[in-house]
Amino acid sequence: MTISTDDLLKSIFQSFDRIGHIQSEDIPNIDLYMDQVTTFMEQHMRSTTRNPEEDKILTKTMINNYAKNNLLPPPVKKKYSKEHVLVLIFIYYFKGILSIGDIQALLNPLTGKFFHTDSEIKMEDIYDEVFSLEKGKIEALKEDVKKMYEASANTFQEAKEEDRAFLQQFSFICMLSYDVYVKKLLIEKMIDNMKADRQEKDGGQGKRAE
């Protein structure tokens, strides 16, 4: 396997180049009904799905469940503001790796202090600031993936030729999976510490995670 000609790596990098996010200025500044929210998300997030013809970005049931589980502030007169859409975008990215409880632990302090409040910092400011950090991330990610790919290409050199390609791809997937696993552990540990800090501030007896 050679990096310069391998179709798999080229496909992965092409996928990276298509990664983007909804710009805050593209979100309507008027309140939307639920159907309008789901349509907006479908139009702007469809390219992020694994199976574009089948996968659902957001459904009415999902939105209702998010509100029921206190992930999303309730609509006002059945309408959703721009701030609601911003929160839904955060939920969309989080739900692939975090539990409902962890997403709730992350978003509740955020919406409690910055959602439709008189705070100097608005939800839109937070959204723009966070996603501005992603601008330089793709090239670094490409380099990291390339190194893992090269390492996997050097595995199973003694395997039979008909088995080698599969085993090397399996190695590559394992390396990527372990990277995700470690980062997920880090995120969960940080959330646990955030929970403990809030319990202490509220006078609870929660212990800081070690």
C-alpha atoms as a PDB file:
ATOM      1  CA  MET A   1       0.000   0.000   0.000  1.00  0.00           C
ATOM      2  CA  THR A   2       1.316   3.432  -0.861  1.00  0.00           C
ATOM      3  CA  ILE A   3      -0.089   6.621   0.574  1.00  0.00           C
ATOM      4  CA  SER A   4       0.073   8.630  -2.652  1.00  0.00           C
ATOM      5  CA  THR A   5      -2.077   6.249  -4.681  1.00  0.00           C
ATOM      6  CA  ASP A   6      -4.281   4.529  -2.135  1.00  0.00           C
ATOM      7  CA  ASP A   7      -7.966   5.094  -2.900  1.00  0.00           C
ATOM      8  CA  LEU A   8      -9.038   4.653   0.705  1.00  0.00           C
ATOM      9  CA  LEU A   9      -6.890   7.452   2.063  1.00  0.00           C
ATOM     10  CA  LYS A  10      -7.821   9.738  -0.813  1.00  0.00           C
ATOM     11  CA  SER A  11     -11.491   9.112  -0.094  1.00  0.00           C
ATOM     12  CA  ILE A  12     -10.994   9.859   3.600  1.00  0.00           C
ATOM     13  CA  PHE A  13      -9.224  13.141   2.882  1.00  0.00           C
ATOM     14  CA  GLN A  14     -11.881  14.140   0.365  1.00  0.00           C
ATOM     15  CA  SER A  15     -14.463  13.556   3.089  1.00  0.00           C
ATOM     16  CA  PHE A  16     -12.472  15.778   5.447  1.00  0.00           C
ATOM     17  CA  ASP A  17     -12.470  18.561   2.854  1.00  0.00           C
ATOM     18  CA  ARG A  18     -16.270  18.428   2.743  1.00  0.00           C
ATOM     19  CA  ILE A  19     -16.623  18.802   6.482  1.00  0.00           C
ATOM     20  CA  GLY A  20     -18.203  22.066   7.472  1.00  0.00           C
ATOM     21  CA  HIS A  21     -20.713  23.551   9.849  1.00  0.00           C
ATOM     22  CA  ILE A  22     -23.733  25.788   9.618  1.00  0.00           C
ATOM     23  CA  GLN A  23     -22.703  29.419   9.767  1.00  0.00           C
ATOM     24  CA  SER A  24     -24.623  31.340  12.414  1.00  0.00           C
ATOM     25  CA  GLU A  25     -25.517  34.038   9.882  1.00  0.00           C
ATOM     26  CA  ASP A  26     -27.268  31.380   7.770  1.00  0.00           C
ATOM     27  CA  ILE A  27     -29.715  30.599  10.561  1.00  0.00           C
ATOM     28  CA  PRO A  28     -32.938  32.648  10.241  1.00  0.00           C
ATOM     29  CA  ASN A  29     -33.356  35.441  12.768  1.00  0.00           C
ATOM     30  CA  ILE A  30     -37.078  34.776  12.905  1.00  0.00           C
ATOM     31  CA  ASP A  31     -38.814  32.177  15.046  1.00  0.00           C
ATOM     32  CA  LEU A  32     -39.585  28.926  13.237  1.00  0.00           C
ATOM     33  CA  TYR A  33     -42.210  26.249  13.559  1.00  0.00           C
ATOM     34  CA  MET A  34     -40.973  22.705  14.101  1.00  0.00           C
ATOM     35  CA  ASP A  35     -41.419  21.713  10.457  1.00  0.00           C
ATOM     36  CA  GLN A  36     -39.299  24.679   9.409  1.00  0.00           C
ATOM     37  CA  VAL A  37     -36.584  23.714  11.900  1.00  0.00           C
ATOM     38  CA  THR A  38     -36.388  20.118  10.646  1.00  0.00           C
ATOM     39  CA  THR A  39     -36.349  21.308   7.028  1.00  0.00           C
ATOM     40  CA  PHE A  40     -33.539  23.772   7.753  1.00  0.00           C
ATOM     41  CA  MET A  41     -31.439  21.102   9.455  1.00  0.00           C
ATOM     42  CA  GLU A  42     -32.058  18.620   6.638  1.00  0.00           C
ATOM     43  CA  GLN A  43     -30.969  21.138   4.016  1.00  0.00           C
ATOM     44  CA  HIS A  44     -27.781  22.112   5.809  1.00  0.00           C
ATOM     45  CA  MET A  45     -26.652  18.866   7.482  1.00  0.00           C
ATOM     46  CA  ARG A  46     -27.588  16.217   4.914  1.00  0.00           C
ATOM     47  CA  SER A  47     -24.011  15.876   3.646  1.00  0.00           C
ATOM     48  CA  THR A  48     -22.800  14.863   7.124  1.00  0.00           C
ATOM     49  CA  THR A  49     -24.806  11.630   7.206  1.00  0.00           C
ATOM     50  CA  ARG A  50     -23.441   8.173   6.475  1.00  0.00           C
ATOM     51  CA  ASN A  51     -26.452   7.222   4.336  1.00  0.00           C
ATOM     52  CA  PRO A  52     -27.860  10.475   2.907  1.00  0.00           C
ATOM     53  CA  GLU A  53     -30.889   8.739   1.377  1.00  0.00           C
ATOM     54  CA  GLU A  54     -31.934   7.075   4.618  1.00  0.00           C
ATOM     55  CA  ASP A  55     -30.550   8.778   7.722  1.00  0.00           C
ATOM     56  CA  LYS A  56     -32.626  11.377   9.500  1.00  0.00           C
ATOM     57  CA  ILE A  57     -30.924  14.543  10.712  1.00  0.00           C
ATOM     58  CA  LEU A  58     -33.693  15.666  13.013  1.00  0.00           C
ATOM     59  CA  THR A  59     -37.296  14.588  13.501  1.00  0.00           C
ATOM     60  CA  LYS A  60     -40.219  15.988  15.464  1.00  0.00           C
ATOM     61  CA  THR A  61     -39.893  13.093  17.892  1.00  0.00           C
ATOM     62  CA  MET A  62     -36.219  13.869  18.471  1.00  0.00           C
ATOM     63  CA  ILE A  63     -36.950  17.535  19.189  1.00  0.00           C
ATOM     64  CA  ASN A  64     -39.747  16.636  21.589  1.00  0.00           C
ATOM     65  CA  ASN A  65     -37.489  14.148  23.377  1.00  0.00           C
ATOM     66  CA  TYR A  66     -34.704  16.719  23.694  1.00  0.00           C
ATOM     67  CA  ALA A  67     -37.120  19.151  25.323  1.00  0.00           C
ATOM     68  CA  LYS A  68     -38.559  16.396  27.525  1.00  0.00           C
ATOM     69  CA  ASN A  69     -35.067  15.411  28.701  1.00  0.00           C
ATOM     70  CA  ASN A  70     -34.161  19.032  29.402  1.00  0.00           C
ATOM     71  CA  LEU A  71     -31.537  19.222  26.668  1.00  0.00           C
ATOM     72  CA  LEU A  72     -33.431  21.895  24.766  1.00  0.00           C
ATOM     73  CA  PRO A  73     -35.370  24.805  26.267  1.00  0.00           C
ATOM     74  CA  PRO A  74     -39.084  24.580  25.430  1.00  0.00           C
ATOM     75  CA  PRO A  75     -40.417  26.496  22.413  1.00  0.00           C
ATOM     76  CA  VAL A  76     -42.432  29.661  22.857  1.00  0.00           C
ATOM     77  CA  LYS A  77     -45.928  29.345  21.396  1.00  0.00           C
ATOM     78  CA  LYS A  78     -44.704  26.322  19.379  1.00  0.00           C
ATOM     79  CA  LYS A  79     -41.959  28.387  17.766  1.00  0.00           C
ATOM     80  CA  TYR A  80     -38.192  27.924  17.941  1.00  0.00           C
ATOM     81  CA  SER A  81     -35.735  30.799  17.971  1.00  0.00           C
ATOM     82  CA  LYS A  82     -32.304  31.046  16.414  1.00  0.00           C
ATOM     83  CA  GLU A  83     -30.905  30.119  19.834  1.00  0.00           C
ATOM     84  CA  HIS A  84     -32.933  26.898  19.764  1.00  0.00           C
ATOM     85  CA  VAL A  85     -31.370  25.986  16.418  1.00  0.00           C
ATOM     86  CA  LEU A  86     -27.871  26.665  17.765  1.00  0.00           C
ATOM     87  CA  VAL A  87     -28.516  24.324  20.695  1.00  0.00           C
ATOM     88  CA  LEU A  88     -29.898  21.667  18.337  1.00  0.00           C
ATOM     89  CA  ILE A  89     -26.703  21.812  16.289  1.00  0.00           C
ATOM     90  CA  PHE A  90     -24.628  21.222  19.417  1.00  0.00           C
ATOM     91  CA  ILE A  91     -26.885  18.286  20.333  1.00  0.00           C
ATOM     92  CA  TYR A  92     -26.516  16.838  16.824  1.00  0.00           C
ATOM     93  CA  TYR A  93     -22.733  16.699  17.139  1.00  0.00           C
ATOM     94  CA  PHE A  94     -22.703  15.493  20.745  1.00  0.00           C
ATOM     95  CA  LYS A  95     -25.263  12.699  20.404  1.00  0.00           C
ATOM     96  CA  GLY A  96     -22.962  10.503  18.348  1.00  0.00           C
ATOM     97  CA  ILE A  97     -20.490  10.094  21.203  1.00  0.00           C
ATOM     98  CA  LEU A  98     -22.141  11.173  24.459  1.00  0.00           C
ATOM     99  CA  SER A  99     -25.046   9.940  26.540  1.00  0.00           C
ATOM    100  CA  ILE A 100     -28.182  12.015  27.046  1.00  0.00           C
ATOM    101  CA  GLY A 101     -27.094  12.620  30.651  1.00  0.00           C
ATOM    102  CA  ASP A 102     -23.684  13.919  29.609  1.00  0.00           C
ATOM    103  CA  ILE A 103     -25.162  16.200  26.951  1.00  0.00           C
ATOM    104  CA  GLN A 104     -27.574  17.515  29.550  1.00  0.00           C
ATOM    105  CA  ALA A 105     -24.681  18.163  31.951  1.00  0.00           C
ATOM    106  CA  LEU A 106     -22.896  20.159  29.244  1.00  0.00           C
ATOM    107  CA  LEU A 107     -25.814  22.143  27.881  1.00  0.00           C
ATOM    108  CA  ASN A 108     -27.850  22.942  30.991  1.00  0.00           C
ATOM    109  CA  PRO A 109     -25.292  25.428  32.409  1.00  0.00           C
ATOM    110  CA  LEU A 110     -24.891  26.910  28.933  1.00  0.00           C
ATOM    111  CA  THR A 111     -28.589  27.457  28.261  1.00  0.00           C
ATOM    112  CA  GLY A 112     -29.261  28.431  31.863  1.00  0.00           C
ATOM    113  CA  LYS A 113     -26.866  31.365  31.676  1.00  0.00           C
ATOM    114  CA  PHE A 114     -26.790  32.375  28.021  1.00  0.00           C
ATOM    115  CA  PHE A 115     -30.078  31.281  26.399  1.00  0.00           C
ATOM    116  CA  HIS A 116     -32.462  34.234  26.037  1.00  0.00           C
ATOM    117  CA  THR A 117     -30.817  36.105  28.901  1.00  0.00           C
ATOM    118  CA  ASP A 118     -29.404  39.597  29.259  1.00  0.00           C
ATOM    119  CA  SER A 119     -25.862  38.242  29.433  1.00  0.00           C
ATOM    120  CA  GLU A 120     -23.272  40.156  27.408  1.00  0.00           C
ATOM    121  CA  ILE A 121     -22.267  36.838  25.839  1.00  0.00           C
ATOM    122  CA  LYS A 122     -24.990  35.389  23.626  1.00  0.00           C
ATOM    123  CA  MET A 123     -25.525  31.833  22.397  1.00  0.00           C
ATOM    124  CA  GLU A 124     -24.525  32.970  18.922  1.00  0.00           C
ATOM    125  CA  ASP A 125     -21.244  34.349  20.292  1.00  0.00           C
ATOM    126  CA  ILE A 126     -20.476  31.005  21.938  1.00  0.00           C
ATOM    127  CA  TYR A 127     -21.346  29.085  18.784  1.00  0.00           C
ATOM    128  CA  ASP A 128     -19.139  31.277  16.582  1.00  0.00           C
ATOM    129  CA  GLU A 129     -16.236  31.173  19.024  1.00  0.00           C
ATOM    130  CA  VAL A 130     -16.330  27.394  19.392  1.00  0.00           C
ATOM    131  CA  PHE A 131     -16.529  26.672  15.689  1.00  0.00           C
ATOM    132  CA  SER A 132     -13.781  29.167  14.904  1.00  0.00           C
ATOM    133  CA  LEU A 133     -11.455  26.701  16.656  1.00  0.00           C
ATOM    134  CA  GLU A 134     -12.227  24.121  13.973  1.00  0.00           C
ATOM    135  CA  LYS A 135     -10.777  26.135  11.089  1.00  0.00           C
ATOM    136  CA  GLY A 136      -7.232  24.842  11.470  1.00  0.00           C
ATOM    137  CA  LYS A 137      -8.229  21.410  12.724  1.00  0.00           C
ATOM    138  CA  ILE A 138      -8.699  19.584   9.417  1.00  0.00           C
ATOM    139  CA  GLU A 139      -5.103  19.782   8.177  1.00  0.00           C
ATOM    140  CA  ALA A 140      -3.765  18.627  11.540  1.00  0.00           C
ATOM    141  CA  LEU A 141      -6.288  15.790  11.527  1.00  0.00           C
ATOM    142  CA  LYS A 142      -5.222  14.760   8.023  1.00  0.00           C
ATOM    143  CA  GLU A 143      -1.610  14.553   9.163  1.00  0.00           C
ATOM    144  CA  ASP A 144      -2.546  12.513  12.215  1.00  0.00           C
ATOM    145  CA  VAL A 145      -4.630  10.076  10.154  1.00  0.00           C
ATOM    146  CA  LYS A 146      -1.859   9.787   7.591  1.00  0.00           C
ATOM    147  CA  LYS A 147       0.615   8.736  10.289  1.00  0.00           C
ATOM    148  CA  MET A 148      -1.790   6.086  11.589  1.00  0.00           C
ATOM    149  CA  TYR A 149      -2.347   4.852   8.056  1.00  0.00           C
ATOM    150  CA  GLU A 150       1.384   4.576   7.420  1.00  0.00           C
ATOM    151  CA  ALA A 151       1.865   2.677  10.664  1.00  0.00           C
ATOM    152  CA  SER A 152      -0.929   0.248   9.785  1.00  0.00           C
ATOM    153  CA  ALA A 153       0.561  -0.255   6.307  1.00  0.00           C
ATOM    154  CA  ASN A 154       3.672  -1.696   7.948  1.00  0.00           C
ATOM    155  CA  THR A 155       1.758  -4.333   9.922  1.00  0.00           C
ATOM    156  CA  PHE A 156       1.286  -7.987   8.954  1.00  0.00           C
ATOM    157  CA  GLN A 157       4.134  -7.961   6.469  1.00  0.00           C
ATOM    158  CA  GLU A 158       4.494 -11.725   6.875  1.00  0.00           C
ATOM    159  CA  ALA A 159       0.801 -12.448   6.206  1.00  0.00           C
ATOM    160  CA  LYS A 160      -0.329 -14.080   2.999  1.00  0.00           C
ATOM    161  CA  GLU A 161      -0.895 -11.581   0.239  1.00  0.00           C
ATOM    162  CA  GLU A 162      -4.619 -12.346   0.037  1.00  0.00           C
ATOM    163  CA  ASP A 163      -4.966 -11.593   3.777  1.00  0.00           C
ATOM    164  CA  ARG A 164      -2.586  -8.686   4.131  1.00  0.00           C
ATOM    165  CA  ALA A 165      -4.809  -5.862   2.845  1.00  0.00           C
ATOM    166  CA  PHE A 166      -7.709  -6.828   5.116  1.00  0.00           C
ATOM    167  CA  LEU A 167      -5.474  -7.181   8.174  1.00  0.00           C
ATOM    168  CA  GLN A 168      -3.814  -3.826   7.499  1.00  0.00           C
ATOM    169  CA  GLN A 169      -7.188  -2.114   7.138  1.00  0.00           C
ATOM    170  CA  PHE A 170      -8.286  -3.806  10.370  1.00  0.00           C
ATOM    171  CA  SER A 171      -5.180  -2.389  12.069  1.00  0.00           C
ATOM    172  CA  PHE A 172      -5.978   1.060  10.726  1.00  0.00           C
ATOM    173  CA  ILE A 173      -9.559   0.884  12.024  1.00  0.00           C
ATOM    174  CA  CYS A 174      -8.320  -0.304  15.428  1.00  0.00           C
ATOM    175  CA  MET A 175      -5.915   2.633  15.688  1.00  0.00           C
ATOM    176  CA  LEU A 176      -8.623   5.123  14.767  1.00  0.00           C
ATOM    177  CA  SER A 177     -11.064   3.488  17.187  1.00  0.00           C
ATOM    178  CA  TYR A 178      -8.589   3.604  20.050  1.00  0.00           C
ATOM    179  CA  ASP A 179      -7.985   7.295  19.349  1.00  0.00           C
ATOM    180  CA  VAL A 180     -11.746   7.957  19.568  1.00  0.00           C
ATOM    181  CA  TYR A 181     -12.005   5.794  22.710  1.00  0.00           C
ATOM    182  CA  VAL A 182      -9.283   7.729  24.531  1.00  0.00           C
ATOM    183  CA  LYS A 183     -10.759  11.106  23.590  1.00  0.00           C
ATOM    184  CA  LYS A 184     -14.209   9.953  24.678  1.00  0.00           C
ATOM    185  CA  LEU A 185     -12.778   8.950  28.070  1.00  0.00           C
ATOM    186  CA  LEU A 186     -11.203  12.392  28.387  1.00  0.00           C
ATOM    187  CA  ILE A 187     -14.493  14.126  27.552  1.00  0.00           C
ATOM    188  CA  GLU A 188     -16.405  12.003  30.063  1.00  0.00           C
ATOM    189  CA  LYS A 189     -13.841  12.704  32.777  1.00  0.00           C
ATOM    190  CA  MET A 190     -14.091  16.446  32.149  1.00  0.00           C
ATOM    191  CA  ILE A 191     -17.893  16.284  32.313  1.00  0.00           C
ATOM    192  CA  ASP A 192     -17.697  14.369  35.604  1.00  0.00           C
ATOM    193  CA  ASN A 193     -15.453  17.084  37.027  1.00  0.00           C
ATOM    194  CA  MET A 194     -17.842  19.781  35.824  1.00  0.00           C
ATOM    195  CA  LYS A 195     -20.712  17.988  37.570  1.00  0.00           C
ATOM    196  CA  ALA A 196     -18.715  17.717  40.781  1.00  0.00           C
ATOM    197  CA  ASP A 197     -17.794  21.413  40.660  1.00  0.00           C
ATOM    198  CA  ARG A 198     -21.435  22.402  40.258  1.00  0.00           C
ATOM    199  CA  GLN A 199     -22.482  20.134  43.143  1.00  0.00           C
ATOM    200  CA  GLU A 200     -19.891  21.767  45.379  1.00  0.00           C
ATOM    201  CA  LYS A 201     -21.062  25.239  44.423  1.00  0.00           C
ATOM    202  CA  ASP A 202     -24.662  24.220  45.094  1.00  0.00           C
ATOM    203  CA  GLY A 203     -23.688  22.940  48.546  1.00  0.00           C
ATOM    204  CA  GLY A 204     -23.883  19.271  47.584  1.00  0.00           C
ATOM    205  CA  GLN A 205     -21.574  16.530  48.725  1.00  0.00           C
ATOM    206  CA  GLY A 206     -20.422  15.469  45.281  1.00  0.00           C
ATOM    207  CA  LYS A 207     -16.797  14.408  45.118  1.00  0.00           C
ATOM    208  CA  ARG A 208     -14.480  15.507  42.389  1.00  0.00           C
ATOM    209  CA  ALA A 209     -13.641  12.727  39.939  1.00  0.00           C
ATOM    210  CA  GLU A 210     -10.081  11.556  40.236  1.00  0.00           C
END
